[in-house]
C-alpha cells in the first residue's frame, strides 16, 4: 500500500463466512484515543458477539489455513494467472480498464455507454456467465473475479474464455 490506513474493518473473511464476526484494527494513534480511565472515552461497540468462543475458534482455524504455505502458493498461482490474462486482454478494443491486485481482477468493459456501475449491460453479463456455470456478480460493465483459493487453473481458464467470448459479443451487438 502506498498509504498505510488508519483503520481497517474486516468481517466475513475472518471466519470464511461461516460465523458472524467483525474486527476493527487501527493504528496506535487511533487506539490511544480510547486508552483512558474516563468512561466517556470507552469504545462501546462490539457487545453482540464479543469473544464468542465458537466464532473465535472458526477465525483461528481460518487464519491457520490462510497463513499456510499451501494457501500462499494458491494465491500466488491465481495472481500469476490473472496477470497473464490481463497482459493478453488489456489492449482489447472492448476493455476500458483492467486492474489486478493479488487474487482480484477487475475488467471494465467498453459497452458504449460510459455509465460504469450503472450500465444496463450488467444483466446480460450476469446471465451470460450463469448459463456457462460461472457465478460472477458484475457491477454494471465491470466484471470482478475474486476466486476462492481452491480454484484450479482449468476453472480459471473457463472463466477467462467466457470473458473473451463476451468481448467478442460486444462487437457483434448482442448486448441486450
N, C-alpha and C. Protein backbone atom coordinates (compact mmCIF):
# COMPACT_ATOMS: atom_id res chain seq x y z
N UNK A 1 0.82 -1.19 0.00
CA UNK A 1 0.00 0.00 0.00
C UNK A 1 0.87 1.25 0.00
N UNK A 2 0.47 2.22 -0.77
CA UNK A 2 1.17 3.49 -0.78
C UNK A 2 0.94 4.23 0.53
N UNK A 3 -0.28 4.16 1.02
CA UNK A 3 -0.67 4.85 2.24
C UNK A 3 -1.11 3.82 3.26
N UNK A 4 -0.56 3.88 4.44
CA UNK A 4 -0.98 2.95 5.49
C UNK A 4 -2.29 3.48 6.08
N UNK A 5 -3.33 2.67 6.05
CA UNK A 5 -4.62 3.14 6.56
C UNK A 5 -4.59 3.31 8.08
N UNK A 6 -5.39 4.25 8.57
CA UNK A 6 -5.51 4.46 10.00
C UNK A 6 -6.35 3.36 10.63
N UNK A 7 -7.31 2.86 9.86
CA UNK A 7 -8.24 1.88 10.40
C UNK A 7 -8.68 0.92 9.30
N UNK A 8 -8.84 -0.33 9.65
CA UNK A 8 -9.32 -1.34 8.70
C UNK A 8 -10.43 -2.12 9.39
N UNK A 9 -11.55 -2.29 8.71
CA UNK A 9 -12.64 -3.10 9.24
C UNK A 9 -12.73 -4.37 8.41
N UNK A 10 -12.83 -5.50 9.09
CA UNK A 10 -12.89 -6.80 8.42
C UNK A 10 -14.08 -7.57 8.98
N UNK A 11 -14.59 -8.52 8.21
CA UNK A 11 -15.70 -9.30 8.73
C UNK A 11 -15.68 -10.71 8.21
N UNK A 12 -16.51 -11.03 7.24
CA UNK A 12 -16.73 -12.41 6.79
C UNK A 12 -15.47 -13.21 6.53
N UNK A 13 -14.46 -12.59 5.99
CA UNK A 13 -13.25 -13.32 5.65
C UNK A 13 -12.56 -13.96 6.84
N UNK A 14 -12.78 -13.42 8.01
CA UNK A 14 -12.13 -13.97 9.21
C UNK A 14 -12.61 -15.38 9.53
N UNK A 15 -13.87 -15.66 9.24
CA UNK A 15 -14.43 -16.99 9.55
C UNK A 15 -14.89 -17.69 8.27
N UNK A 16 -14.42 -17.23 7.14
CA UNK A 16 -14.82 -17.77 5.84
C UNK A 16 -16.34 -17.68 5.66
N UNK A 17 -16.96 -16.71 6.30
CA UNK A 17 -18.40 -16.52 6.19
C UNK A 17 -19.21 -17.55 6.96
N UNK A 18 -18.55 -18.37 7.76
CA UNK A 18 -19.25 -19.45 8.48
C UNK A 18 -19.90 -18.96 9.78
N UNK A 19 -19.37 -17.92 10.35
CA UNK A 19 -19.87 -17.39 11.62
C UNK A 19 -19.86 -15.87 11.54
N UNK A 20 -20.73 -15.24 12.31
CA UNK A 20 -20.74 -13.77 12.35
C UNK A 20 -19.55 -13.29 13.16
N UNK A 21 -18.72 -12.48 12.54
CA UNK A 21 -17.58 -11.91 13.26
C UNK A 21 -17.11 -10.67 12.53
N UNK A 22 -16.73 -9.69 13.27
CA UNK A 22 -16.15 -8.49 12.70
C UNK A 22 -14.91 -8.13 13.48
N UNK A 23 -14.07 -7.35 12.88
CA UNK A 23 -12.84 -6.93 13.54
C UNK A 23 -12.50 -5.55 13.02
N UNK A 24 -12.12 -4.70 13.91
CA UNK A 24 -11.61 -3.40 13.52
C UNK A 24 -10.19 -3.30 14.04
N UNK A 25 -9.27 -3.08 13.16
CA UNK A 25 -7.87 -2.91 13.52
C UNK A 25 -7.49 -1.46 13.23
N UNK A 26 -6.75 -0.86 14.13
CA UNK A 26 -6.38 0.54 13.91
C UNK A 26 -4.94 0.77 14.34
N UNK A 27 -4.42 1.91 13.95
CA UNK A 27 -3.05 2.24 14.33
C UNK A 27 -3.02 2.74 15.77
N UNK A 28 -1.84 2.91 16.31
CA UNK A 28 -1.68 3.30 17.71
C UNK A 28 -2.32 4.65 18.00
N UNK A 29 -2.24 5.58 17.07
CA UNK A 29 -2.82 6.92 17.28
C UNK A 29 -4.32 6.83 17.55
N UNK A 30 -5.02 6.01 16.78
CA UNK A 30 -6.47 5.83 16.98
C UNK A 30 -6.73 5.10 18.29
N UNK A 31 -6.00 4.01 18.54
CA UNK A 31 -6.20 3.21 19.76
C UNK A 31 -6.00 4.05 21.01
N UNK A 32 -5.01 4.94 20.98
CA UNK A 32 -4.73 5.77 22.15
C UNK A 32 -5.90 6.66 22.54
N UNK A 33 -6.74 7.02 21.57
CA UNK A 33 -7.91 7.85 21.86
C UNK A 33 -8.88 7.15 22.80
N UNK A 34 -8.83 5.82 22.87
CA UNK A 34 -9.72 5.05 23.74
C UNK A 34 -9.03 4.56 25.01
N UNK A 35 -7.75 4.83 25.16
CA UNK A 35 -6.99 4.39 26.33
C UNK A 35 -7.12 5.42 27.44
N UNK A 36 -8.11 5.23 28.28
CA UNK A 36 -8.35 6.19 29.33
C UNK A 36 -9.21 5.55 30.41
N UNK A 37 -9.08 6.03 31.61
CA UNK A 37 -9.95 5.59 32.70
C UNK A 37 -11.29 6.34 32.65
N UNK A 38 -11.38 7.35 31.79
CA UNK A 38 -12.60 8.14 31.67
C UNK A 38 -13.65 7.35 30.89
N UNK A 39 -14.82 7.12 31.50
CA UNK A 39 -15.88 6.33 30.85
C UNK A 39 -16.33 6.89 29.50
N UNK A 40 -16.31 8.21 29.34
CA UNK A 40 -16.76 8.80 28.07
C UNK A 40 -15.82 8.50 26.90
N UNK A 41 -14.63 7.97 27.17
CA UNK A 41 -13.70 7.60 26.10
C UNK A 41 -13.76 6.11 25.77
N UNK A 42 -14.69 5.40 26.41
CA UNK A 42 -14.83 3.97 26.17
C UNK A 42 -15.38 3.71 24.77
N UNK A 43 -14.87 2.70 24.13
CA UNK A 43 -15.40 2.26 22.83
C UNK A 43 -16.51 1.26 23.14
N UNK A 44 -17.76 1.70 23.03
CA UNK A 44 -18.91 0.91 23.48
C UNK A 44 -19.50 -0.03 22.44
N UNK A 45 -18.77 -0.40 21.42
CA UNK A 45 -19.33 -1.25 20.37
C UNK A 45 -18.70 -2.64 20.41
N UNK A 46 -19.42 -3.60 19.86
CA UNK A 46 -18.90 -4.95 19.75
C UNK A 46 -19.50 -5.93 20.73
N UNK A 47 -20.48 -5.52 21.51
CA UNK A 47 -21.01 -6.38 22.55
C UNK A 47 -21.86 -7.54 22.04
N UNK A 48 -22.40 -7.46 20.84
CA UNK A 48 -23.27 -8.54 20.34
C UNK A 48 -22.56 -9.88 20.25
N UNK A 49 -21.34 -9.88 19.75
CA UNK A 49 -20.61 -11.13 19.56
C UNK A 49 -19.25 -11.12 20.27
N UNK A 50 -19.10 -10.27 21.25
CA UNK A 50 -17.80 -10.13 21.90
C UNK A 50 -17.28 -11.46 22.42
N UNK A 51 -16.12 -11.85 21.93
CA UNK A 51 -15.40 -13.04 22.40
C UNK A 51 -16.21 -14.32 22.33
N UNK A 52 -17.11 -14.43 21.36
CA UNK A 52 -17.86 -15.67 21.18
C UNK A 52 -16.85 -16.78 20.91
N UNK A 53 -16.77 -17.81 21.76
CA UNK A 53 -15.71 -18.82 21.61
C UNK A 53 -15.79 -19.61 20.32
N UNK A 54 -17.00 -19.90 19.85
CA UNK A 54 -17.14 -20.66 18.61
C UNK A 54 -16.67 -19.81 17.42
N UNK A 55 -17.05 -18.55 17.41
CA UNK A 55 -16.62 -17.65 16.34
C UNK A 55 -15.10 -17.47 16.36
N UNK A 56 -14.54 -17.30 17.54
CA UNK A 56 -13.09 -17.14 17.65
C UNK A 56 -12.36 -18.39 17.17
N UNK A 57 -12.90 -19.57 17.50
CA UNK A 57 -12.28 -20.82 17.04
C UNK A 57 -12.34 -20.91 15.51
N UNK A 58 -13.47 -20.52 14.92
CA UNK A 58 -13.59 -20.53 13.46
C UNK A 58 -12.60 -19.57 12.83
N UNK A 59 -12.44 -18.39 13.44
CA UNK A 59 -11.50 -17.41 12.90
C UNK A 59 -10.06 -17.92 13.00
N UNK A 60 -9.70 -18.52 14.11
CA UNK A 60 -8.34 -19.04 14.26
C UNK A 60 -8.07 -20.17 13.26
N UNK A 61 -9.06 -21.04 13.05
CA UNK A 61 -8.89 -22.11 12.06
C UNK A 61 -8.71 -21.51 10.66
N UNK A 62 -9.53 -20.49 10.35
CA UNK A 62 -9.41 -19.83 9.06
C UNK A 62 -8.06 -19.16 8.87
N UNK A 63 -7.57 -18.51 9.91
CA UNK A 63 -6.25 -17.87 9.83
C UNK A 63 -5.14 -18.89 9.64
N UNK A 64 -5.25 -20.03 10.32
CA UNK A 64 -4.23 -21.08 10.15
C UNK A 64 -4.18 -21.55 8.70
N UNK A 65 -5.34 -21.71 8.09
CA UNK A 65 -5.39 -22.11 6.68
C UNK A 65 -4.83 -21.00 5.80
N UNK A 66 -5.28 -19.78 6.04
CA UNK A 66 -4.85 -18.63 5.24
C UNK A 66 -3.34 -18.44 5.27
N UNK A 67 -2.74 -18.69 6.41
CA UNK A 67 -1.30 -18.48 6.56
C UNK A 67 -0.47 -19.70 6.16
N UNK A 68 -1.12 -20.79 5.76
CA UNK A 68 -0.39 -21.99 5.38
C UNK A 68 0.35 -21.79 4.06
N UNK A 69 1.42 -22.56 3.88
CA UNK A 69 2.20 -22.48 2.63
C UNK A 69 1.34 -22.86 1.43
N UNK A 70 0.48 -23.87 1.60
CA UNK A 70 -0.40 -24.31 0.51
C UNK A 70 -1.31 -23.18 0.05
N UNK A 71 -1.88 -22.44 0.98
CA UNK A 71 -2.76 -21.33 0.62
C UNK A 71 -1.97 -20.19 -0.01
N UNK A 72 -0.78 -19.92 0.51
CA UNK A 72 0.08 -18.88 -0.09
C UNK A 72 0.42 -19.23 -1.54
N UNK A 73 0.74 -20.49 -1.78
CA UNK A 73 1.04 -20.93 -3.15
C UNK A 73 -0.18 -20.77 -4.04
N UNK A 74 -1.35 -21.11 -3.54
CA UNK A 74 -2.58 -20.99 -4.33
C UNK A 74 -2.83 -19.53 -4.70
N UNK A 75 -2.64 -18.62 -3.76
CA UNK A 75 -2.83 -17.19 -4.04
C UNK A 75 -1.84 -16.70 -5.09
N UNK A 76 -0.59 -17.14 -5.00
CA UNK A 76 0.42 -16.75 -6.00
C UNK A 76 0.03 -17.28 -7.39
N UNK A 77 -0.46 -18.51 -7.45
CA UNK A 77 -0.85 -19.09 -8.74
C UNK A 77 -2.03 -18.32 -9.35
N UNK A 78 -2.98 -17.94 -8.53
CA UNK A 78 -4.13 -17.16 -9.02
C UNK A 78 -3.65 -15.81 -9.54
N UNK A 79 -2.82 -15.13 -8.76
CA UNK A 79 -2.31 -13.83 -9.19
C UNK A 79 -1.52 -13.94 -10.49
N UNK A 80 -0.70 -14.95 -10.62
CA UNK A 80 0.06 -15.16 -11.84
C UNK A 80 -0.86 -15.39 -13.03
N UNK A 81 -1.89 -16.20 -12.83
CA UNK A 81 -2.86 -16.46 -13.91
C UNK A 81 -3.59 -15.17 -14.28
N UNK A 82 -4.02 -14.39 -13.28
CA UNK A 82 -4.70 -13.12 -13.55
C UNK A 82 -3.80 -12.18 -14.35
N UNK A 83 -2.54 -12.10 -13.94
CA UNK A 83 -1.61 -11.20 -14.64
C UNK A 83 -1.39 -11.64 -16.08
N UNK A 84 -1.32 -12.95 -16.30
CA UNK A 84 -1.18 -13.46 -17.66
C UNK A 84 -2.39 -13.13 -18.51
N UNK A 85 -3.58 -13.31 -17.95
CA UNK A 85 -4.82 -12.97 -18.66
C UNK A 85 -4.89 -11.47 -18.90
N UNK A 86 -4.50 -10.68 -17.92
CA UNK A 86 -4.53 -9.23 -18.07
C UNK A 86 -3.60 -8.78 -19.18
N UNK A 87 -2.41 -9.34 -19.22
CA UNK A 87 -1.43 -8.98 -20.26
C UNK A 87 -2.00 -9.27 -21.64
N UNK A 88 -2.69 -10.37 -21.76
CA UNK A 88 -3.26 -10.80 -23.04
C UNK A 88 -4.49 -9.97 -23.43
N UNK A 89 -5.23 -9.47 -22.44
CA UNK A 89 -6.54 -8.90 -22.68
C UNK A 89 -6.62 -7.39 -22.59
N UNK A 90 -5.72 -6.77 -21.84
CA UNK A 90 -5.88 -5.35 -21.52
C UNK A 90 -5.94 -4.43 -22.74
N UNK A 91 -5.38 -4.82 -23.87
CA UNK A 91 -5.40 -3.95 -25.05
C UNK A 91 -6.58 -4.26 -25.98
N UNK A 92 -7.46 -5.17 -25.59
CA UNK A 92 -8.62 -5.48 -26.42
C UNK A 92 -9.48 -4.22 -26.56
N UNK A 93 -10.01 -3.99 -27.74
CA UNK A 93 -10.78 -2.78 -28.01
C UNK A 93 -12.02 -2.62 -27.12
N UNK A 94 -12.51 -3.71 -26.53
CA UNK A 94 -13.68 -3.63 -25.67
C UNK A 94 -13.34 -3.65 -24.18
N UNK A 95 -12.08 -3.37 -23.87
CA UNK A 95 -11.65 -3.25 -22.48
C UNK A 95 -11.25 -1.80 -22.23
N UNK A 96 -12.00 -1.12 -21.36
CA UNK A 96 -11.66 0.26 -20.99
C UNK A 96 -10.52 0.30 -19.99
N UNK A 97 -10.57 -0.59 -19.00
CA UNK A 97 -9.55 -0.63 -17.96
C UNK A 97 -9.50 -2.04 -17.40
N UNK A 98 -8.33 -2.39 -16.91
CA UNK A 98 -8.15 -3.72 -16.33
C UNK A 98 -7.14 -3.60 -15.19
N UNK A 99 -7.53 -4.09 -14.01
CA UNK A 99 -6.66 -4.00 -12.84
C UNK A 99 -6.54 -5.36 -12.18
N UNK A 100 -5.36 -5.66 -11.69
CA UNK A 100 -5.11 -6.89 -10.93
C UNK A 100 -4.47 -6.47 -9.62
N UNK A 101 -5.01 -6.97 -8.53
CA UNK A 101 -4.42 -6.77 -7.22
C UNK A 101 -4.52 -8.09 -6.48
N UNK A 102 -3.41 -8.78 -6.39
CA UNK A 102 -3.41 -10.10 -5.73
C UNK A 102 -4.31 -11.06 -6.48
N UNK A 103 -5.31 -11.58 -5.79
CA UNK A 103 -6.21 -12.57 -6.39
C UNK A 103 -7.46 -11.93 -6.99
N UNK A 104 -7.48 -10.62 -7.09
CA UNK A 104 -8.64 -9.91 -7.63
C UNK A 104 -8.28 -9.33 -8.99
N UNK A 105 -9.19 -9.53 -9.94
CA UNK A 105 -9.05 -8.88 -11.24
C UNK A 105 -10.36 -8.15 -11.52
N UNK A 106 -10.25 -6.93 -12.01
CA UNK A 106 -11.42 -6.12 -12.37
C UNK A 106 -11.26 -5.68 -13.81
N UNK A 107 -12.29 -5.94 -14.60
CA UNK A 107 -12.25 -5.61 -16.03
C UNK A 107 -13.43 -4.71 -16.35
N UNK A 108 -13.13 -3.48 -16.74
CA UNK A 108 -14.18 -2.55 -17.15
C UNK A 108 -14.35 -2.66 -18.66
N UNK A 109 -15.55 -3.09 -19.05
CA UNK A 109 -15.84 -3.29 -20.47
C UNK A 109 -16.26 -1.99 -21.13
N UNK A 110 -15.92 -1.86 -22.39
CA UNK A 110 -16.36 -0.74 -23.20
C UNK A 110 -17.70 -1.14 -23.81
N UNK A 111 -18.79 -0.73 -23.17
CA UNK A 111 -20.12 -1.08 -23.68
C UNK A 111 -20.76 0.08 -24.43
N UNK A 112 -20.01 1.17 -24.59
CA UNK A 112 -20.50 2.31 -25.36
C UNK A 112 -21.36 3.27 -24.57
N UNK A 113 -21.63 2.99 -23.29
CA UNK A 113 -22.50 3.87 -22.51
C UNK A 113 -21.72 4.83 -21.63
N UNK A 114 -20.52 4.44 -21.20
CA UNK A 114 -19.75 5.27 -20.29
C UNK A 114 -20.38 5.37 -18.91
N UNK A 115 -21.27 4.45 -18.57
CA UNK A 115 -22.00 4.54 -17.31
C UNK A 115 -21.38 3.74 -16.16
N UNK A 116 -20.40 2.93 -16.42
CA UNK A 116 -19.72 2.15 -15.39
C UNK A 116 -20.69 1.32 -14.57
N UNK A 117 -20.75 1.55 -13.25
CA UNK A 117 -21.59 0.71 -12.38
C UNK A 117 -23.07 0.75 -12.76
N UNK A 118 -23.50 1.78 -13.46
CA UNK A 118 -24.91 1.94 -13.79
C UNK A 118 -25.25 1.47 -15.20
N UNK A 119 -24.33 0.83 -15.85
CA UNK A 119 -24.56 0.32 -17.20
C UNK A 119 -25.59 -0.80 -17.18
N UNK A 120 -26.46 -0.80 -18.16
CA UNK A 120 -27.50 -1.83 -18.28
C UNK A 120 -26.96 -3.17 -18.74
N UNK A 121 -25.70 -3.24 -19.11
CA UNK A 121 -25.12 -4.48 -19.59
C UNK A 121 -24.98 -5.52 -18.47
N UNK A 122 -25.11 -5.10 -17.23
CA UNK A 122 -24.95 -5.98 -16.07
C UNK A 122 -25.80 -7.24 -16.16
N UNK A 123 -27.08 -7.11 -16.49
CA UNK A 123 -27.97 -8.28 -16.54
C UNK A 123 -27.54 -9.26 -17.62
N UNK A 124 -27.16 -8.73 -18.78
CA UNK A 124 -26.69 -9.61 -19.85
C UNK A 124 -25.44 -10.37 -19.40
N UNK A 125 -24.51 -9.66 -18.76
CA UNK A 125 -23.28 -10.30 -18.31
C UNK A 125 -23.57 -11.37 -17.27
N UNK A 126 -24.39 -11.04 -16.29
CA UNK A 126 -24.72 -11.99 -15.23
C UNK A 126 -25.30 -13.27 -15.82
N UNK A 127 -26.30 -13.12 -16.69
CA UNK A 127 -26.95 -14.29 -17.29
C UNK A 127 -26.01 -15.05 -18.22
N UNK A 128 -25.19 -14.34 -18.96
CA UNK A 128 -24.22 -14.97 -19.86
C UNK A 128 -23.31 -15.92 -19.08
N UNK A 129 -22.75 -15.42 -18.00
CA UNK A 129 -21.84 -16.25 -17.20
C UNK A 129 -22.60 -17.38 -16.50
N UNK A 130 -23.77 -17.09 -15.98
CA UNK A 130 -24.55 -18.11 -15.29
C UNK A 130 -24.90 -19.27 -16.22
N UNK A 131 -25.23 -18.96 -17.47
CA UNK A 131 -25.53 -20.01 -18.46
C UNK A 131 -24.33 -20.92 -18.70
N UNK A 132 -23.14 -20.44 -18.40
CA UNK A 132 -21.92 -21.23 -18.58
C UNK A 132 -21.41 -21.83 -17.26
N UNK A 133 -22.27 -21.76 -16.23
CA UNK A 133 -21.90 -22.34 -14.94
C UNK A 133 -20.91 -21.50 -14.15
N UNK A 134 -20.85 -20.21 -14.45
CA UNK A 134 -19.91 -19.31 -13.78
C UNK A 134 -20.72 -18.28 -13.00
N UNK A 135 -20.50 -18.21 -11.71
CA UNK A 135 -21.22 -17.25 -10.88
C UNK A 135 -20.33 -16.04 -10.63
N UNK A 136 -20.59 -14.99 -11.39
CA UNK A 136 -19.90 -13.71 -11.21
C UNK A 136 -20.97 -12.67 -10.93
N UNK A 137 -20.58 -11.62 -10.27
CA UNK A 137 -21.52 -10.55 -9.94
C UNK A 137 -21.00 -9.24 -10.54
N UNK A 138 -21.28 -9.04 -11.83
CA UNK A 138 -20.79 -7.80 -12.44
C UNK A 138 -21.50 -6.58 -11.84
N UNK A 139 -20.77 -5.51 -11.72
CA UNK A 139 -21.34 -4.24 -11.31
C UNK A 139 -21.36 -3.36 -12.55
N UNK A 140 -22.53 -3.25 -13.16
CA UNK A 140 -22.64 -2.52 -14.42
C UNK A 140 -21.78 -3.20 -15.46
N UNK A 141 -20.87 -2.47 -16.05
CA UNK A 141 -20.00 -3.03 -17.09
C UNK A 141 -18.64 -3.48 -16.53
N UNK A 142 -18.57 -3.65 -15.23
CA UNK A 142 -17.31 -4.07 -14.61
C UNK A 142 -17.44 -5.49 -14.09
N UNK A 143 -16.55 -6.33 -14.58
CA UNK A 143 -16.52 -7.74 -14.17
C UNK A 143 -15.41 -7.88 -13.13
N UNK A 144 -15.77 -8.42 -11.98
CA UNK A 144 -14.80 -8.72 -10.93
C UNK A 144 -14.66 -10.22 -10.80
N UNK A 145 -13.44 -10.69 -10.71
CA UNK A 145 -13.19 -12.10 -10.42
C UNK A 145 -12.43 -12.14 -9.10
N UNK A 146 -13.06 -12.74 -8.09
CA UNK A 146 -12.46 -12.91 -6.77
C UNK A 146 -12.59 -14.39 -6.44
N UNK A 147 -11.75 -15.21 -7.04
CA UNK A 147 -11.95 -16.66 -6.92
C UNK A 147 -11.58 -17.20 -5.54
N UNK A 148 -12.21 -18.30 -5.17
CA UNK A 148 -11.77 -18.97 -3.94
C UNK A 148 -10.36 -19.49 -4.16
N UNK A 149 -9.59 -19.61 -3.10
CA UNK A 149 -8.20 -20.02 -3.23
C UNK A 149 -8.05 -21.47 -3.64
N UNK A 150 -9.13 -22.22 -3.69
CA UNK A 150 -9.07 -23.62 -4.12
C UNK A 150 -9.38 -23.78 -5.60
N UNK A 151 -9.59 -22.67 -6.32
CA UNK A 151 -9.91 -22.77 -7.74
C UNK A 151 -8.73 -23.39 -8.49
N UNK A 152 -9.05 -24.18 -9.51
CA UNK A 152 -7.99 -24.79 -10.32
C UNK A 152 -7.66 -23.90 -11.51
N UNK A 153 -6.51 -24.15 -12.11
CA UNK A 153 -6.13 -23.40 -13.31
C UNK A 153 -7.11 -23.67 -14.43
N UNK A 154 -7.63 -24.91 -14.51
CA UNK A 154 -8.62 -25.25 -15.54
C UNK A 154 -9.89 -24.43 -15.35
N UNK A 155 -10.32 -24.27 -14.09
CA UNK A 155 -11.53 -23.48 -13.82
C UNK A 155 -11.30 -22.01 -14.15
N UNK A 156 -10.13 -21.49 -13.82
CA UNK A 156 -9.81 -20.10 -14.20
C UNK A 156 -9.82 -19.94 -15.71
N UNK A 157 -9.31 -20.92 -16.42
CA UNK A 157 -9.29 -20.86 -17.89
C UNK A 157 -10.70 -20.79 -18.46
N UNK A 158 -11.63 -21.49 -17.84
CA UNK A 158 -13.03 -21.45 -18.28
C UNK A 158 -13.59 -20.04 -18.11
N UNK A 159 -13.28 -19.42 -16.98
CA UNK A 159 -13.74 -18.05 -16.74
C UNK A 159 -13.12 -17.09 -17.74
N UNK A 160 -11.81 -17.18 -17.93
CA UNK A 160 -11.13 -16.31 -18.88
C UNK A 160 -11.68 -16.48 -20.30
N UNK A 161 -11.95 -17.72 -20.71
CA UNK A 161 -12.51 -17.97 -22.05
C UNK A 161 -13.88 -17.35 -22.19
N UNK A 162 -14.68 -17.43 -21.14
CA UNK A 162 -16.02 -16.82 -21.19
C UNK A 162 -15.91 -15.31 -21.32
N UNK A 163 -14.95 -14.71 -20.64
CA UNK A 163 -14.75 -13.26 -20.75
C UNK A 163 -14.32 -12.90 -22.17
N UNK A 164 -13.44 -13.69 -22.74
CA UNK A 164 -13.03 -13.44 -24.13
C UNK A 164 -14.23 -13.54 -25.07
N UNK A 165 -15.12 -14.48 -24.78
CA UNK A 165 -16.34 -14.62 -25.58
C UNK A 165 -17.22 -13.37 -25.45
N UNK A 166 -17.34 -12.84 -24.24
CA UNK A 166 -18.11 -11.61 -24.01
C UNK A 166 -17.50 -10.46 -24.80
N UNK A 167 -16.19 -10.36 -24.80
CA UNK A 167 -15.53 -9.26 -25.51
C UNK A 167 -15.87 -9.30 -27.00
N UNK A 168 -15.95 -10.48 -27.56
CA UNK A 168 -16.31 -10.61 -28.97
C UNK A 168 -17.80 -10.36 -29.19
N UNK A 169 -18.64 -10.74 -28.22
CA UNK A 169 -20.08 -10.47 -28.32
C UNK A 169 -20.37 -8.97 -28.36
N UNK A 170 -19.58 -8.20 -27.63
CA UNK A 170 -19.77 -6.76 -27.62
C UNK A 170 -19.60 -6.18 -29.02
N UNK A 171 -18.73 -6.77 -29.82
CA UNK A 171 -18.54 -6.34 -31.21
C UNK A 171 -19.73 -6.68 -32.09
N UNK A 172 -20.36 -7.80 -31.78
CA UNK A 172 -21.45 -8.28 -32.64
C UNK A 172 -22.77 -7.60 -32.36
N UNK A 173 -22.83 -6.78 -31.29
CA UNK A 173 -24.08 -6.08 -30.99
C UNK A 173 -25.09 -6.92 -30.24
N UNK A 174 -24.70 -8.06 -29.70
CA UNK A 174 -25.62 -8.93 -28.97
C UNK A 174 -25.65 -8.60 -27.49
N UNK A 175 -25.58 -7.32 -27.15
CA UNK A 175 -25.52 -6.91 -25.76
C UNK A 175 -26.83 -7.10 -25.02
N UNK A 176 -27.92 -6.87 -25.68
CA UNK A 176 -29.22 -6.87 -24.99
C UNK A 176 -29.84 -8.25 -24.98
